[in-house]
Amino acid sequence: YPLDETCMVQPYIGGGISYTDFGE
């Protein structure tokens, strides 16, 4: 989150890992 926590609008970016279960 690039903005100060006092801002009412909080943009963000993120990344990580994903796991997809395709079921039946």
PDB file of all heavy atoms in Angstrom:
ATOM      1  N   TYR A   1       0.856  -1.186   0.000  1.00  0.00           N
ATOM      2  CA  TYR A   1       0.000   0.000   0.000  1.00  0.00           C
ATOM      3  C   TYR A   1       0.895   1.240   0.000  1.00  0.00           C
ATOM      4  O   TYR A   1       1.580   1.505   0.987  1.00  0.00           O
ATOM      5  CB  TYR A   1      -0.888   0.022   1.240  1.00  0.00           C
ATOM      6  CG  TYR A   1      -1.895  -1.089   1.328  1.00  0.00           C
ATOM      7  CD1 TYR A   1      -1.518  -2.356   1.768  1.00  0.00           C
ATOM      8  CD2 TYR A   1      -3.227  -0.884   0.994  1.00  0.00           C
ATOM      9  CE1 TYR A   1      -2.445  -3.380   1.871  1.00  0.00           C
ATOM     10  CE2 TYR A   1      -4.166  -1.900   1.090  1.00  0.00           C
ATOM     11  CZ  TYR A   1      -3.767  -3.149   1.526  1.00  0.00           C
ATOM     12  OH  TYR A   1      -4.687  -4.169   1.621  1.00  0.00           O
ATOM     13  N   PRO A   2       0.906   2.051  -1.062  1.00  0.00           N
ATOM     14  CA  PRO A   2       1.842   3.175  -1.138  1.00  0.00           C
ATOM     15  C   PRO A   2       1.432   4.395  -0.318  1.00  0.00           C
ATOM     16  O   PRO A   2       2.288   5.215   0.030  1.00  0.00           O
ATOM     17  CB  PRO A   2       1.857   3.513  -2.630  1.00  0.00           C
ATOM     18  CG  PRO A   2       0.525   3.073  -3.123  1.00  0.00           C
ATOM     19  CD  PRO A   2       0.168   1.853  -2.326  1.00  0.00           C
ATOM     20  N   LEU A   3       0.141   4.554   0.009  1.00  0.00           N
ATOM     21  CA  LEU A   3      -0.314   5.772   0.667  1.00  0.00           C
ATOM     22  C   LEU A   3      -0.304   5.632   2.191  1.00  0.00           C
ATOM     23  O   LEU A   3      -0.265   4.520   2.733  1.00  0.00           O
ATOM     24  CB  LEU A   3      -1.728   6.126   0.197  1.00  0.00           C
ATOM     25  CG  LEU A   3      -1.911   6.386  -1.295  1.00  0.00           C
ATOM     26  CD1 LEU A   3      -3.336   6.816  -1.593  1.00  0.00           C
ATOM     27  CD2 LEU A   3      -0.915   7.419  -1.810  1.00  0.00           C
ATOM     28  N   ASP A   4      -0.360   6.766   2.848  1.00  0.00           N
ATOM     29  CA  ASP A   4      -0.427   6.786   4.302  1.00  0.00           C
ATOM     30  C   ASP A   4      -1.761   6.201   4.768  1.00  0.00           C
ATOM     31  O   ASP A   4      -2.790   6.334   4.081  1.00  0.00           O
ATOM     32  CB  ASP A   4      -0.269   8.227   4.799  1.00  0.00           C
ATOM     33  CG  ASP A   4      -0.181   8.292   6.315  1.00  0.00           C
ATOM     34  OD1 ASP A   4       0.929   8.103   6.844  1.00  0.00           O
ATOM     35  OD2 ASP A   4      -1.232   8.526   6.945  1.00  0.00           O
ATOM     36  N   GLU A   5      -1.764   5.574   5.942  1.00  0.00           N
ATOM     37  CA  GLU A   5      -2.958   4.893   6.430  1.00  0.00           C
ATOM     38  C   GLU A   5      -4.098   5.836   6.741  1.00  0.00           C
ATOM     39  O   GLU A   5      -5.252   5.399   6.907  1.00  0.00           O
ATOM     40  CB  GLU A   5      -2.610   4.077   7.671  1.00  0.00           C
ATOM     41  CG  GLU A   5      -2.070   4.900   8.827  1.00  0.00           C
ATOM     42  CD  GLU A   5      -1.651   4.039   9.997  1.00  0.00           C
ATOM     43  OE1 GLU A   5      -2.017   2.852  10.006  1.00  0.00           O
ATOM     44  OE2 GLU A   5      -0.962   4.560  10.891  1.00  0.00           O
ATOM     45  N   THR A   6      -3.838   7.143   6.843  1.00  0.00           N
ATOM     46  CA  THR A   6      -4.911   8.100   7.120  1.00  0.00           C
ATOM     47  C   THR A   6      -5.762   8.397   5.885  1.00  0.00           C
ATOM     48  O   THR A   6      -6.833   8.990   6.007  1.00  0.00           O
ATOM     49  CB  THR A   6      -4.328   9.415   7.647  1.00  0.00           C
ATOM     50  OG1 THR A   6      -3.415   9.959   6.683  1.00  0.00           O
ATOM     51  CG2 THR A   6      -3.599   9.192   8.971  1.00  0.00           C
ATOM     52  N   CYS A   7      -5.291   8.016   4.695  1.00  0.00           N
ATOM     53  CA  CYS A   7      -6.049   8.242   3.466  1.00  0.00           C
ATOM     54  C   CYS A   7      -7.267   7.313   3.419  1.00  0.00           C
ATOM     55  O   CYS A   7      -7.160   6.120   3.703  1.00  0.00           O
ATOM     56  CB  CYS A   7      -5.179   8.009   2.243  1.00  0.00           C
ATOM     57  SG  CYS A   7      -3.789   9.145   2.092  1.00  0.00           S
ATOM     58  N   MET A   8      -8.404   7.859   3.036  1.00  0.00           N
ATOM     59  CA  MET A   8      -9.626   7.055   2.978  1.00  0.00           C
ATOM     60  C   MET A   8      -9.644   6.126   1.773  1.00  0.00           C
ATOM     61  O   MET A   8     -10.372   5.134   1.760  1.00  0.00           O
ATOM     62  CB  MET A   8     -10.851   7.973   2.963  1.00  0.00           C
ATOM     63  CG  MET A   8     -11.038   8.759   4.246  1.00  0.00           C
ATOM     64  SD  MET A   8     -12.466   9.871   4.190  1.00  0.00           S
ATOM     65  CE  MET A   8     -13.801   8.720   3.892  1.00  0.00           C
ATOM     66  N   VAL A   9      -8.865   6.432   0.755  1.00  0.00           N
ATOM     67  CA  VAL A   9      -8.732   5.564  -0.424  1.00  0.00           C
ATOM     68  C   VAL A   9      -7.352   4.927  -0.391  1.00  0.00           C
ATOM     69  O   VAL A   9      -6.342   5.640  -0.324  1.00  0.00           O
ATOM     70  CB  VAL A   9      -8.925   6.365  -1.730  1.00  0.00           C
ATOM     71  CG1 VAL A   9      -8.718   5.464  -2.937  1.00  0.00           C
ATOM     72  CG2 VAL A   9     -10.323   7.001  -1.763  1.00  0.00           C
ATOM     73  N   GLN A  10      -7.309   3.599  -0.416  1.00  0.00           N
ATOM     74  CA  GLN A  10      -6.061   2.861  -0.278  1.00  0.00           C
ATOM     75  C   GLN A  10      -5.820   1.951  -1.484  1.00  0.00           C
ATOM     76  O   GLN A  10      -6.277   0.812  -1.523  1.00  0.00           O
ATOM     77  CB  GLN A  10      -6.091   2.020   1.005  1.00  0.00           C
ATOM     78  CG  GLN A  10      -6.039   2.817   2.295  1.00  0.00           C
ATOM     79  CD  GLN A  10      -4.649   3.410   2.522  1.00  0.00           C
ATOM     80  OE1 GLN A  10      -3.636   2.845   2.139  1.00  0.00           O
ATOM     81  NE2 GLN A  10      -4.610   4.577   3.162  1.00  0.00           N
ATOM     82  N   PRO A  11      -5.105   2.441  -2.526  1.00  0.00           N
ATOM     83  CA  PRO A  11      -4.734   1.554  -3.627  1.00  0.00           C
ATOM     84  C   PRO A  11      -3.608   0.614  -3.206  1.00  0.00           C
ATOM     85  O   PRO A  11      -2.861   0.893  -2.265  1.00  0.00           O
ATOM     86  CB  PRO A  11      -4.273   2.529  -4.719  1.00  0.00           C
ATOM     87  CG  PRO A  11      -3.763   3.713  -3.944  1.00  0.00           C
ATOM     88  CD  PRO A  11      -4.618   3.822  -2.720  1.00  0.00           C
ATOM     89  N   TYR A  12      -3.487  -0.510  -3.921  1.00  0.00           N
ATOM     90  CA  TYR A  12      -2.432  -1.467  -3.601  1.00  0.00           C
ATOM     91  C   TYR A  12      -2.107  -2.322  -4.826  1.00  0.00           C
ATOM     92  O   TYR A  12      -2.897  -2.409  -5.781  1.00  0.00           O
ATOM     93  CB  TYR A  12      -2.841  -2.371  -2.434  1.00  0.00           C
ATOM     94  CG  TYR A  12      -4.068  -3.213  -2.705  1.00  0.00           C
ATOM     95  CD1 TYR A  12      -3.995  -4.430  -3.395  1.00  0.00           C
ATOM     96  CD2 TYR A  12      -5.319  -2.798  -2.267  1.00  0.00           C
ATOM     97  CE1 TYR A  12      -5.113  -5.190  -3.652  1.00  0.00           C
ATOM     98  CE2 TYR A  12      -6.454  -3.552  -2.507  1.00  0.00           C
ATOM     99  CZ  TYR A  12      -6.344  -4.753  -3.205  1.00  0.00           C
ATOM    100  OH  TYR A  12      -7.474  -5.501  -3.458  1.00  0.00           O
ATOM    101  N   ILE A  13      -0.937  -2.942  -4.779  1.00  0.00           N
ATOM    102  CA  ILE A  13      -0.549  -3.970  -5.741  1.00  0.00           C
ATOM    103  C   ILE A  13      -0.042  -5.166  -4.944  1.00  0.00           C
ATOM    104  O   ILE A  13       0.373  -5.039  -3.791  1.00  0.00           O
ATOM    105  CB  ILE A  13       0.544  -3.474  -6.728  1.00  0.00           C
ATOM    106  CG1 ILE A  13       1.782  -3.001  -5.954  1.00  0.00           C
ATOM    107  CG2 ILE A  13       0.002  -2.381  -7.629  1.00  0.00           C
ATOM    108  CD1 ILE A  13       2.949  -2.652  -6.859  1.00  0.00           C
ATOM    109  N   GLY A  14      -0.080  -6.336  -5.558  1.00  0.00           N
ATOM    110  CA  GLY A  14       0.376  -7.524  -4.844  1.00  0.00           C
ATOM    111  C   GLY A  14       0.691  -8.664  -5.778  1.00  0.00           C
ATOM    112  O   GLY A  14       0.318  -8.660  -6.958  1.00  0.00           O
ATOM    113  N   GLY A  15       1.367  -9.661  -5.236  1.00  0.00           N
ATOM    114  CA  GLY A  15       1.704 -10.846  -6.011  1.00  0.00           C
ATOM    115  C   GLY A  15       2.022 -11.999  -5.077  1.00  0.00           C
ATOM    116  O   GLY A  15       2.334 -11.805  -3.903  1.00  0.00           O
ATOM    117  N   GLY A  16       1.923 -13.217  -5.612  1.00  0.00           N
ATOM    118  CA  GLY A  16       2.200 -14.385  -4.775  1.00  0.00           C
ATOM    119  C   GLY A  16       1.992 -15.673  -5.542  1.00  0.00           C
ATOM    120  O   GLY A  16       2.261 -15.763  -6.743  1.00  0.00           O
ATOM    121  N   ILE A  17       1.493 -16.701  -4.844  1.00  0.00           N
ATOM    122  CA  ILE A  17       1.308 -18.029  -5.435  1.00  0.00           C
ATOM    123  C   ILE A  17      -0.186 -18.339  -5.502  1.00  0.00           C
ATOM    124  O   ILE A  17      -0.987 -17.814  -4.732  1.00  0.00           O
ATOM    125  CB  ILE A  17       2.038 -19.126  -4.634  1.00  0.00           C
ATOM    126  CG1 ILE A  17       1.526 -19.183  -3.188  1.00  0.00           C
ATOM    127  CG2 ILE A  17       3.536 -18.884  -4.661  1.00  0.00           C
ATOM    128  CD1 ILE A  17       2.105 -20.333  -2.387  1.00  0.00           C
ATOM    129  N   SER A  18      -0.548 -19.205  -6.446  1.00  0.00           N
ATOM    130  CA  SER A  18      -1.941 -19.618  -6.600  1.00  0.00           C
ATOM    131  C   SER A  18      -2.017 -21.135  -6.725  1.00  0.00           C
ATOM    132  O   SER A  18      -1.087 -21.789  -7.227  1.00  0.00           O
ATOM    133  CB  SER A  18      -2.579 -18.969  -7.836  1.00  0.00           C
ATOM    134  OG  SER A  18      -1.968 -19.443  -9.029  1.00  0.00           O
ATOM    135  N   TYR A  19      -3.130 -21.673  -6.256  1.00  0.00           N
ATOM    136  CA  TYR A  19      -3.415 -23.101  -6.373  1.00  0.00           C
ATOM    137  C   TYR A  19      -4.820 -23.248  -6.935  1.00  0.00           C
ATOM    138  O   TYR A  19      -5.778 -22.718  -6.368  1.00  0.00           O
ATOM    139  CB  TYR A  19      -3.315 -23.785  -5.012  1.00  0.00           C
ATOM    140  CG  TYR A  19      -3.787 -25.231  -5.002  1.00  0.00           C
ATOM    141  CD1 TYR A  19      -2.963 -26.236  -5.496  1.00  0.00           C
ATOM    142  CD2 TYR A  19      -5.043 -25.563  -4.506  1.00  0.00           C
ATOM    143  CE1 TYR A  19      -3.392 -27.561  -5.491  1.00  0.00           C
ATOM    144  CE2 TYR A  19      -5.469 -26.884  -4.497  1.00  0.00           C
ATOM    145  CZ  TYR A  19      -4.641 -27.873  -4.985  1.00  0.00           C
ATOM    146  OH  TYR A  19      -5.070 -29.191  -4.996  1.00  0.00           O
ATOM    147  N   THR A  20      -4.944 -23.928  -8.075  1.00  0.00           N
ATOM    148  CA  THR A  20      -6.238 -24.107  -8.730  1.00  0.00           C
ATOM    149  C   THR A  20      -6.652 -25.568  -8.670  1.00  0.00           C
ATOM    150  O   THR A  20      -5.937 -26.443  -9.159  1.00  0.00           O
ATOM    151  CB  THR A  20      -6.189 -23.650 -10.201  1.00  0.00           C
ATOM    152  OG1 THR A  20      -5.702 -22.308 -10.275  1.00  0.00           O
ATOM    153  CG2 THR A  20      -7.564 -23.720 -10.830  1.00  0.00           C
ATOM    154  N   ASP A  21      -7.810 -25.828  -8.077  1.00  0.00           N
ATOM    155  CA  ASP A  21      -8.385 -27.165  -8.014  1.00  0.00           C
ATOM    156  C   ASP A  21      -9.546 -27.209  -8.988  1.00  0.00           C
ATOM    157  O   ASP A  21     -10.540 -26.510  -8.818  1.00  0.00           O
ATOM    158  CB  ASP A  21      -8.854 -27.458  -6.589  1.00  0.00           C
ATOM    159  CG  ASP A  21      -9.411 -28.868  -6.438  1.00  0.00           C
ATOM    160  OD1 ASP A  21      -9.463 -29.593  -7.453  1.00  0.00           O
ATOM    161  OD2 ASP A  21      -9.799 -29.243  -5.313  1.00  0.00           O
ATOM    162  N   PHE A  22      -9.413 -28.050 -10.025  1.00  0.00           N
ATOM    163  CA  PHE A  22     -10.436 -28.092 -11.069  1.00  0.00           C
ATOM    164  C   PHE A  22     -11.594 -29.019 -10.739  1.00  0.00           C
ATOM    165  O   PHE A  22     -12.504 -29.196 -11.547  1.00  0.00           O
ATOM    166  CB  PHE A  22      -9.800 -28.489 -12.403  1.00  0.00           C
ATOM    167  CG  PHE A  22      -8.924 -27.418 -12.982  1.00  0.00           C
ATOM    168  CD1 PHE A  22      -7.558 -27.448 -12.790  1.00  0.00           C
ATOM    169  CD2 PHE A  22      -9.473 -26.363 -13.683  1.00  0.00           C
ATOM    170  CE1 PHE A  22      -6.744 -26.452 -13.303  1.00  0.00           C
ATOM    171  CE2 PHE A  22      -8.674 -25.359 -14.210  1.00  0.00           C
ATOM    172  CZ  PHE A  22      -7.307 -25.410 -14.016  1.00  0.00           C
ATOM    173  N   GLY A  23     -11.575 -29.622  -9.566  1.00  0.00           N
ATOM    174  CA  GLY A  23     -12.717 -30.420  -9.146  1.00  0.00           C
ATOM    175  C   GLY A  23     -12.961 -31.600 -10.070  1.00  0.00           C
ATOM    176  O   GLY A  23     -12.048 -32.148 -10.696  1.00  0.00           O
ATOM    177  N   GLU A  24     -14.213 -31.977 -10.185  1.00  0.00           N
ATOM    178  CA  GLU A  24     -14.602 -33.116 -11.011  1.00  0.00           C
ATOM    179  C   GLU A  24     -15.249 -32.623 -12.297  1.00  0.00           C
ATOM    180  O   GLU A  24     -16.344 -32.076 -12.273  1.00  0.00           O
ATOM    181  CB  GLU A  24     -15.562 -34.025 -10.242  1.00  0.00           C
ATOM    182  CG  GLU A  24     -14.942 -34.687  -9.017  1.00  0.00           C
ATOM    183  CD  GLU A  24     -15.909 -35.612  -8.321  1.00  0.00           C
ATOM    184  OE1 GLU A  24     -17.060 -35.735  -8.821  1.00  0.00           O
ATOM    185  OE2 GLU A  24     -15.535 -36.208  -7.308  1.00  0.00           O
TER     186      GLU A  24
END
